[in-house]
Amino acid sequence: MASNKTTLQKMGKKQNGKVKKFKSQRNEKMEYFLKWKGFTDLVKKKMVQKENLYLTMNLMTANQRRKEMLLTNQEDLLEVLILKE
């Protein structure tokens, strides 16, 4: 059975953060209030428009995959570093 959750719900749950949606009075566009656990107060709270929210999620996913690859393929990483030198 496929999950009915959206990508935003999945990412918010994975990253232990909260996403609140509301309409901005500044430009009448829907904005999302991101609050991520594990970050300082200055960084963890951010207003993001819907168009930019997906970019943020994609960057976070790519960074997580990169970290996982570094942990699982450390031998391959050493070979690449040696070849570049």
PDB file of N, CA and C in Angstrom:
ATOM      1  N   MET A   1       0.842  -1.179   0.000  1.00  0.00           N
ATOM      2  CA  MET A   1       0.000   0.000   0.000  1.00  0.00           C
ATOM      3  C   MET A   1       0.886   1.239   0.000  1.00  0.00           C
ATOM      4  N   ALA A   2       0.605   2.147  -0.890  1.00  0.00           N
ATOM      5  CA  ALA A   2       1.401   3.373  -1.002  1.00  0.00           C
ATOM      6  C   ALA A   2       1.003   4.365   0.085  1.00  0.00           C
ATOM      7  N   SER A   3       1.958   5.154   0.473  1.00  0.00           N
ATOM      8  CA  SER A   3       1.710   6.169   1.500  1.00  0.00           C
ATOM      9  C   SER A   3       1.027   7.383   0.887  1.00  0.00           C
ATOM     10  N   ASN A   4       0.077   7.950   1.610  1.00  0.00           N
ATOM     11  CA  ASN A   4      -0.619   9.144   1.138  1.00  0.00           C
ATOM     12  C   ASN A   4       0.046  10.422   1.610  1.00  0.00           C
ATOM     13  N   LYS A   5       1.115  10.318   2.367  1.00  0.00           N
ATOM     14  CA  LYS A   5       1.789  11.508   2.886  1.00  0.00           C
ATOM     15  C   LYS A   5       2.542  12.219   1.773  1.00  0.00           C
ATOM     16  N   THR A   6       2.566  13.525   1.855  1.00  0.00           N
ATOM     17  CA  THR A   6       3.302  14.309   0.871  1.00  0.00           C
ATOM     18  C   THR A   6       4.783  14.297   1.216  1.00  0.00           C
ATOM     19  N   THR A   7       5.590  14.760   0.282  1.00  0.00           N
ATOM     20  CA  THR A   7       7.030  14.857   0.508  1.00  0.00           C
ATOM     21  C   THR A   7       7.334  15.774   1.677  1.00  0.00           C
ATOM     22  N   LEU A   8       6.593  16.865   1.812  1.00  0.00           N
ATOM     23  CA  LEU A   8       6.834  17.808   2.904  1.00  0.00           C
ATOM     24  C   LEU A   8       6.572  17.160   4.249  1.00  0.00           C
ATOM     25  N   GLN A   9       5.507  16.370   4.345  1.00  0.00           N
ATOM     26  CA  GLN A   9       5.213  15.698   5.599  1.00  0.00           C
ATOM     27  C   GLN A   9       6.297  14.685   5.929  1.00  0.00           C
ATOM     28  N   LYS A  10       6.747  13.938   4.931  1.00  0.00           N
ATOM     29  CA  LYS A  10       7.791  12.943   5.167  1.00  0.00           C
ATOM     30  C   LYS A  10       9.087  13.607   5.613  1.00  0.00           C
ATOM     31  N   MET A  11       9.495  14.674   4.918  1.00  0.00           N
ATOM     32  CA  MET A  11      10.745  15.345   5.267  1.00  0.00           C
ATOM     33  C   MET A  11      10.647  16.001   6.635  1.00  0.00           C
ATOM     34  N   GLY A  12       9.532  16.621   6.936  1.00  0.00           N
ATOM     35  CA  GLY A  12       9.362  17.254   8.237  1.00  0.00           C
ATOM     36  C   GLY A  12       9.472  16.239   9.351  1.00  0.00           C
ATOM     37  N   LYS A  13       8.919  15.060   9.139  1.00  0.00           N
ATOM     38  CA  LYS A  13       8.977  14.019  10.157  1.00  0.00           C
ATOM     39  C   LYS A  13      10.392  13.457  10.261  1.00  0.00           C
ATOM     40  N   LYS A  14      11.048  13.250   9.130  1.00  0.00           N
ATOM     41  CA  LYS A  14      12.406  12.707   9.120  1.00  0.00           C
ATOM     42  C   LYS A  14      13.378  13.628   9.845  1.00  0.00           C
ATOM     43  N   GLN A  15      13.250  14.903   9.610  1.00  0.00           N
ATOM     44  CA  GLN A  15      14.198  15.862  10.156  1.00  0.00           C
ATOM     45  C   GLN A  15      13.795  16.360  11.537  1.00  0.00           C
ATOM     46  N   ASN A  16      12.725  15.775  12.112  1.00  0.00           N
ATOM     47  CA  ASN A  16      12.248  16.184  13.435  1.00  0.00           C
ATOM     48  C   ASN A  16      11.957  17.672  13.502  1.00  0.00           C
ATOM     49  N   GLY A  17      11.353  18.172  12.494  1.00  0.00           N
ATOM     50  CA  GLY A  17      11.012  19.588  12.465  1.00  0.00           C
ATOM     51  C   GLY A  17       9.515  19.771  12.372  1.00  0.00           C
ATOM     52  N   LYS A  18       9.107  21.011  12.385  1.00  0.00           N
ATOM     53  CA  LYS A  18       7.694  21.340  12.271  1.00  0.00           C
ATOM     54  C   LYS A  18       7.514  22.301  11.110  1.00  0.00           C
ATOM     55  N   VAL A  19       6.441  22.109  10.381  1.00  0.00           N
ATOM     56  CA  VAL A  19       6.124  22.991   9.268  1.00  0.00           C
ATOM     57  C   VAL A  19       4.721  23.538   9.502  1.00  0.00           C
ATOM     58  N   LYS A  20       4.602  24.848   9.529  1.00  0.00           N
ATOM     59  CA  LYS A  20       3.298  25.488   9.672  1.00  0.00           C
ATOM     60  C   LYS A  20       3.033  26.312   8.426  1.00  0.00           C
ATOM     61  N   LYS A  21       1.817  26.203   7.908  1.00  0.00           N
ATOM     62  CA  LYS A  21       1.461  26.894   6.677  1.00  0.00           C
ATOM     63  C   LYS A  21       0.510  28.044   7.003  1.00  0.00           C
ATOM     64  N   PHE A  22       0.750  29.207   6.413  1.00  0.00           N
ATOM     65  CA  PHE A  22      -0.167  30.326   6.559  1.00  0.00           C
ATOM     66  C   PHE A  22       0.021  31.302   5.418  1.00  0.00           C
ATOM     67  N   LYS A  23      -0.952  32.166   5.241  1.00  0.00           N
ATOM     68  CA  LYS A  23      -0.903  33.144   4.157  1.00  0.00           C
ATOM     69  C   LYS A  23      -0.228  34.413   4.653  1.00  0.00           C
ATOM     70  N   SER A  24       0.757  34.867   3.927  1.00  0.00           N
ATOM     71  CA  SER A  24       1.511  36.058   4.292  1.00  0.00           C
ATOM     72  C   SER A  24       0.709  37.313   3.973  1.00  0.00           C
ATOM     73  N   GLN A  25       0.786  38.289   4.850  1.00  0.00           N
ATOM     74  CA  GLN A  25       0.119  39.560   4.597  1.00  0.00           C
ATOM     75  C   GLN A  25       0.991  40.481   3.746  1.00  0.00           C
ATOM     76  N   ARG A  26       2.264  40.152   3.639  1.00  0.00           N
ATOM     77  CA  ARG A  26       3.183  40.989   2.865  1.00  0.00           C
ATOM     78  C   ARG A  26       2.911  40.909   1.372  1.00  0.00           C
ATOM     79  N   ASN A  27       2.823  39.684   0.854  1.00  0.00           N
ATOM     80  CA  ASN A  27       2.687  39.545  -0.594  1.00  0.00           C
ATOM     81  C   ASN A  27       1.551  38.610  -1.001  1.00  0.00           C
ATOM     82  N   GLU A  28       0.676  38.256  -0.075  1.00  0.00           N
ATOM     83  CA  GLU A  28      -0.497  37.422  -0.343  1.00  0.00           C
ATOM     84  C   GLU A  28      -0.149  36.050  -0.910  1.00  0.00           C
ATOM     85  N   LYS A  29       1.060  35.563  -0.670  1.00  0.00           N
ATOM     86  CA  LYS A  29       1.441  34.223  -1.097  1.00  0.00           C
ATOM     87  C   LYS A  29       1.467  33.308   0.115  1.00  0.00           C
ATOM     88  N   MET A  30       1.257  32.025  -0.142  1.00  0.00           N
ATOM     89  CA  MET A  30       1.325  31.050   0.928  1.00  0.00           C
ATOM     90  C   MET A  30       2.785  30.877   1.335  1.00  0.00           C
ATOM     91  N   GLU A  31       3.060  30.960   2.623  1.00  0.00           N
ATOM     92  CA  GLU A  31       4.412  30.774   3.133  1.00  0.00           C
ATOM     93  C   GLU A  31       4.392  29.693   4.197  1.00  0.00           C
ATOM     94  N   TYR A  32       5.551  29.118   4.429  1.00  0.00           N
ATOM     95  CA  TYR A  32       5.692  28.051   5.401  1.00  0.00           C
ATOM     96  C   TYR A  32       6.689  28.486   6.457  1.00  0.00           C
ATOM     97  N   PHE A  33       6.381  28.219   7.693  1.00  0.00           N
ATOM     98  CA  PHE A  33       7.260  28.555   8.808  1.00  0.00           C
ATOM     99  C   PHE A  33       7.985  27.279   9.203  1.00  0.00           C
ATOM    100  N   LEU A  34       9.293  27.236   8.978  1.00  0.00           N
ATOM    101  CA  LEU A  34      10.090  26.051   9.280  1.00  0.00           C
ATOM    102  C   LEU A  34      10.769  26.207  10.623  1.00  0.00           C
ATOM    103  N   LYS A  35      10.714  25.176  11.406  1.00  0.00           N
ATOM    104  CA  LYS A  35      11.368  25.179  12.708  1.00  0.00           C
ATOM    105  C   LYS A  35      12.035  23.815  12.871  1.00  0.00           C
ATOM    106  N   TRP A  36      13.366  23.766  12.716  1.00  0.00           N
ATOM    107  CA  TRP A  36      14.098  22.507  12.746  1.00  0.00           C
ATOM    108  C   TRP A  36      14.768  22.319  14.097  1.00  0.00           C
ATOM    109  N   LYS A  37      14.649  21.123  14.621  1.00  0.00           N
ATOM    110  CA  LYS A  37      15.303  20.802  15.890  1.00  0.00           C
ATOM    111  C   LYS A  37      16.794  20.617  15.647  1.00  0.00           C
ATOM    112  N   GLY A  38      17.595  20.944  16.649  1.00  0.00           N
ATOM    113  CA  GLY A  38      19.028  20.752  16.541  1.00  0.00           C
ATOM    114  C   GLY A  38      19.779  21.936  15.967  1.00  0.00           C
ATOM    115  N   PHE A  39      19.099  23.021  15.671  1.00  0.00           N
ATOM    116  CA  PHE A  39      19.742  24.215  15.152  1.00  0.00           C
ATOM    117  C   PHE A  39      19.577  25.351  16.141  1.00  0.00           C
ATOM    118  N   THR A  40      20.405  26.355  16.017  1.00  0.00           N
ATOM    119  CA  THR A  40      20.282  27.512  16.901  1.00  0.00           C
ATOM    120  C   THR A  40      19.000  28.266  16.589  1.00  0.00           C
ATOM    121  N   ASP A  41      18.564  29.103  17.519  1.00  0.00           N
ATOM    122  CA  ASP A  41      17.320  29.851  17.331  1.00  0.00           C
ATOM    123  C   ASP A  41      17.375  30.753  16.104  1.00  0.00           C
ATOM    124  N   LEU A  42      18.548  31.267  15.771  1.00  0.00           N
ATOM    125  CA  LEU A  42      18.659  32.160  14.617  1.00  0.00           C
ATOM    126  C   LEU A  42      18.479  31.415  13.309  1.00  0.00           C
ATOM    127  N   VAL A  43      18.861  30.143  13.287  1.00  0.00           N
ATOM    128  CA  VAL A  43      18.837  29.384  12.046  1.00  0.00           C
ATOM    129  C   VAL A  43      17.574  28.543  11.906  1.00  0.00           C
ATOM    130  N   LYS A  44      17.052  28.021  13.000  1.00  0.00           N
ATOM    131  CA  LYS A  44      15.994  27.023  12.884  1.00  0.00           C
ATOM    132  C   LYS A  44      14.631  27.578  12.493  1.00  0.00           C
ATOM    133  N   LYS A  45      14.403  28.859  12.683  1.00  0.00           N
ATOM    134  CA  LYS A  45      13.109  29.441  12.346  1.00  0.00           C
ATOM    135  C   LYS A  45      13.250  30.254  11.068  1.00  0.00           C
ATOM    136  N   LYS A  46      12.483  29.895  10.065  1.00  0.00           N
ATOM    137  CA  LYS A  46      12.659  30.552   8.779  1.00  0.00           C
ATOM    138  C   LYS A  46      11.333  30.598   8.031  1.00  0.00           C
ATOM    139  N   MET A  47      11.052  31.745   7.432  1.00  0.00           N
ATOM    140  CA  MET A  47       9.876  31.887   6.585  1.00  0.00           C
ATOM    141  C   MET A  47      10.270  31.531   5.157  1.00  0.00           C
ATOM    142  N   VAL A  48       9.538  30.626   4.548  1.00  0.00           N
ATOM    143  CA  VAL A  48       9.883  30.164   3.211  1.00  0.00           C
ATOM    144  C   VAL A  48       8.624  30.130   2.355  1.00  0.00           C
ATOM    145  N   GLN A  49       8.735  30.638   1.140  1.00  0.00           N
ATOM    146  CA  GLN A  49       7.620  30.522   0.205  1.00  0.00           C
ATOM    147  C   GLN A  49       7.590  29.108  -0.351  1.00  0.00           C
ATOM    148  N   LYS A  50       6.438  28.711  -0.853  1.00  0.00           N
ATOM    149  CA  LYS A  50       6.248  27.343  -1.325  1.00  0.00           C
ATOM    150  C   LYS A  50       7.271  26.955  -2.391  1.00  0.00           C
ATOM    151  N   GLU A  51       7.569  27.853  -3.314  1.00  0.00           N
ATOM    152  CA  GLU A  51       8.520  27.549  -4.385  1.00  0.00           C
ATOM    153  C   GLU A  51       9.903  27.228  -3.810  1.00  0.00           C
ATOM    154  N   ASN A  52      10.306  27.939  -2.778  1.00  0.00           N
ATOM    155  CA  ASN A  52      11.621  27.737  -2.184  1.00  0.00           C
ATOM    156  C   ASN A  52      11.647  26.579  -1.202  1.00  0.00           C
ATOM    157  N   LEU A  53      10.493  26.184  -0.694  1.00  0.00           N
ATOM    158  CA  LEU A  53      10.441  25.094   0.269  1.00  0.00           C
ATOM    159  C   LEU A  53      10.913  23.794  -0.359  1.00  0.00           C
ATOM    160  N   TYR A  54      10.508  23.539  -1.592  1.00  0.00           N
ATOM    161  CA  TYR A  54      10.930  22.318  -2.263  1.00  0.00           C
ATOM    162  C   TYR A  54      12.434  22.324  -2.512  1.00  0.00           C
ATOM    163  N   LEU A  55      13.018  23.468  -2.826  1.00  0.00           N
ATOM    164  CA  LEU A  55      14.469  23.554  -2.996  1.00  0.00           C
ATOM    165  C   LEU A  55      15.176  23.229  -1.690  1.00  0.00           C
ATOM    166  N   THR A  56      14.653  23.755  -0.584  1.00  0.00           N
ATOM    167  CA  THR A  56      15.235  23.480   0.725  1.00  0.00           C
ATOM    168  C   THR A  56      15.179  21.994   1.029  1.00  0.00           C
ATOM    169  N   MET A  57      14.051  21.373   0.773  1.00  0.00           N
ATOM    170  CA  MET A  57      13.892  19.941   1.025  1.00  0.00           C
ATOM    171  C   MET A  57      14.829  19.124   0.139  1.00  0.00           C
ATOM    172  N   ASN A  58      14.974  19.517  -1.119  1.00  0.00           N
ATOM    173  CA  ASN A  58      15.876  18.798  -2.021  1.00  0.00           C
ATOM    174  C   ASN A  58      17.320  18.909  -1.558  1.00  0.00           C
ATOM    175  N   LEU A  59      17.726  20.082  -1.097  1.00  0.00           N
ATOM    176  CA  LEU A  59      19.088  20.248  -0.583  1.00  0.00           C
ATOM    177  C   LEU A  59      19.317  19.398   0.657  1.00  0.00           C
ATOM    178  N   MET A  60      18.327  19.351   1.532  1.00  0.00           N
ATOM    179  CA  MET A  60      18.460  18.546   2.742  1.00  0.00           C
ATOM    180  C   MET A  60      18.548  17.064   2.403  1.00  0.00           C
ATOM    181  N   THR A  61      17.746  16.619   1.441  1.00  0.00           N
ATOM    182  CA  THR A  61      17.779  15.221   1.024  1.00  0.00           C
ATOM    183  C   THR A  61      19.127  14.882   0.398  1.00  0.00           C
ATOM    184  N   ALA A  62      19.625  15.747  -0.467  1.00  0.00           N
ATOM    185  CA  ALA A  62      20.921  15.513  -1.109  1.00  0.00           C
ATOM    186  C   ALA A  62      22.040  15.474  -0.080  1.00  0.00           C
ATOM    187  N   ASN A  63      21.997  16.354   0.902  1.00  0.00           N
ATOM    188  CA  ASN A  63      23.017  16.377   1.939  1.00  0.00           C
ATOM    189  C   ASN A  63      22.964  15.102   2.781  1.00  0.00           C
ATOM    190  N   GLN A  64      21.761  14.631   3.102  1.00  0.00           N
ATOM    191  CA  GLN A  64      21.615  13.400   3.877  1.00  0.00           C
ATOM    192  C   GLN A  64      22.151  12.206   3.094  1.00  0.00           C
ATOM    193  N   ARG A  65      21.842  12.144   1.795  1.00  0.00           N
ATOM    194  CA  ARG A  65      22.349  11.043   0.960  1.00  0.00           C
ATOM    195  C   ARG A  65      23.872  11.080   0.873  1.00  0.00           C
ATOM    196  N   ARG A  66      24.431  12.292   0.767  1.00  0.00           N
ATOM    197  CA  ARG A  66      25.889  12.417   0.707  1.00  0.00           C
ATOM    198  C   ARG A  66      26.520  11.895   1.992  1.00  0.00           C
ATOM    199  N   LYS A  67      25.926  12.240   3.134  1.00  0.00           N
ATOM    200  CA  LYS A  67      26.445  11.761   4.416  1.00  0.00           C
ATOM    201  C   LYS A  67      26.359  10.246   4.515  1.00  0.00           C
ATOM    202  N   GLU A  68      25.237   9.676   4.057  1.00  0.00           N
ATOM    203  CA  GLU A  68      25.078   8.225   4.085  1.00  0.00           C
ATOM    204  C   GLU A  68      26.100   7.544   3.193  1.00  0.00           C
ATOM    205  N   MET A  69      26.350   8.123   2.013  1.00  0.00           N
ATOM    206  CA  MET A  69      27.341   7.546   1.109  1.00  0.00           C
ATOM    207  C   MET A  69      28.734   7.599   1.713  1.00  0.00           C
ATOM    208  N   LEU A  70      29.062   8.688   2.383  1.00  0.00           N
ATOM    209  CA  LEU A  70      30.372   8.798   3.017  1.00  0.00           C
ATOM    210  C   LEU A  70      30.550   7.748   4.104  1.00  0.00           C
ATOM    211  N   LEU A  71      29.492   7.456   4.836  1.00  0.00           N
ATOM    212  CA  LEU A  71      29.573   6.465   5.902  1.00  0.00           C
ATOM    213  C   LEU A  71      29.666   5.046   5.363  1.00  0.00           C
ATOM    214  N   THR A  72      28.967   4.760   4.266  1.00  0.00           N
ATOM    215  CA  THR A  72      28.937   3.396   3.747  1.00  0.00           C
ATOM    216  C   THR A  72      30.063   3.101   2.765  1.00  0.00           C
ATOM    217  N   ASN A  73      30.590   4.100   2.098  1.00  0.00           N
ATOM    218  CA  ASN A  73      31.596   3.884   1.053  1.00  0.00           C
ATOM    219  C   ASN A  73      32.912   4.580   1.374  1.00  0.00           C
ATOM    220  N   GLN A  74      33.408   4.425   2.564  1.00  0.00           N
ATOM    221  CA  GLN A  74      34.643   5.112   2.931  1.00  0.00           C
ATOM    222  C   GLN A  74      35.842   4.583   2.153  1.00  0.00           C
ATOM    223  N   GLU A  75      35.843   3.282   1.818  1.00  0.00           N
ATOM    224  CA  GLU A  75      36.961   2.732   1.042  1.00  0.00           C
ATOM    225  C   GLU A  75      36.989   3.343  -0.358  1.00  0.00           C
ATOM    226  N   ASP A  76      35.813   3.462  -0.980  1.00  0.00           N
ATOM    227  CA  ASP A  76      35.728   4.064  -2.312  1.00  0.00           C
ATOM    228  C   ASP A  76      36.148   5.525  -2.273  1.00  0.00           C
ATOM    229  N   LEU A  77      35.799   6.224  -1.215  1.00  0.00           N
ATOM    230  CA  LEU A  77      36.156   7.629  -1.075  1.00  0.00           C
ATOM    231  C   LEU A  77      37.672   7.796  -1.020  1.00  0.00           C
ATOM    232  N   LEU A  78      38.352   6.925  -0.308  1.00  0.00           N
ATOM    233  CA  LEU A  78      39.809   7.001  -0.231  1.00  0.00           C
ATOM    234  C   LEU A  78      40.439   6.804  -1.605  1.00  0.00           C
ATOM    235  N   GLU A  79      39.902   5.871  -2.397  1.00  0.00           N
ATOM    236  CA  GLU A  79      40.428   5.644  -3.742  1.00  0.00           C
ATOM    237  C   GLU A  79      40.248   6.885  -4.617  1.00  0.00           C
ATOM    238  N   VAL A  80      39.120   7.527  -4.521  1.00  0.00           N
ATOM    239  CA  VAL A  80      38.862   8.732  -5.311  1.00  0.00           C
ATOM    240  C   VAL A  80      39.814   9.844  -4.905  1.00  0.00           C
ATOM    241  N   LEU A  81      40.034  10.016  -3.621  1.00  0.00           N
ATOM    242  CA  LEU A  81      40.949  11.057  -3.153  1.00  0.00           C
ATOM    243  C   LEU A  81      42.373  10.795  -3.621  1.00  0.00           C
ATOM    244  N   ILE A  82      42.797   9.556  -3.607  1.00  0.00           N
ATOM    245  CA  ILE A  82      44.149   9.213  -4.051  1.00  0.00           C
ATOM    246  C   ILE A  82      44.289   9.474  -5.550  1.00  0.00           C
ATOM    247  N   LEU A  83      43.273   9.121  -6.337  1.00  0.00           N
ATOM    248  CA  LEU A  83      43.329   9.337  -7.779  1.00  0.00           C
ATOM    249  C   LEU A  83      43.385  10.819  -8.128  1.00  0.00           C
ATOM    250  N   LYS A  84      42.725  11.657  -7.369  1.00  0.00           N
ATOM    251  CA  LYS A  84      42.726  13.091  -7.649  1.00  0.00           C
ATOM    252  C   LYS A  84      44.062  13.730  -7.317  1.00  0.00           C
ATOM    253  N   GLU A  85      44.766  13.216  -6.364  1.00  0.00           N
ATOM    254  CA  GLU A  85      46.063  13.798  -5.985  1.00  0.00           C
ATOM    255  C   GLU A  85      47.074  13.416  -7.005  1.00  0.00           C
TER     256      GLU A  85
END
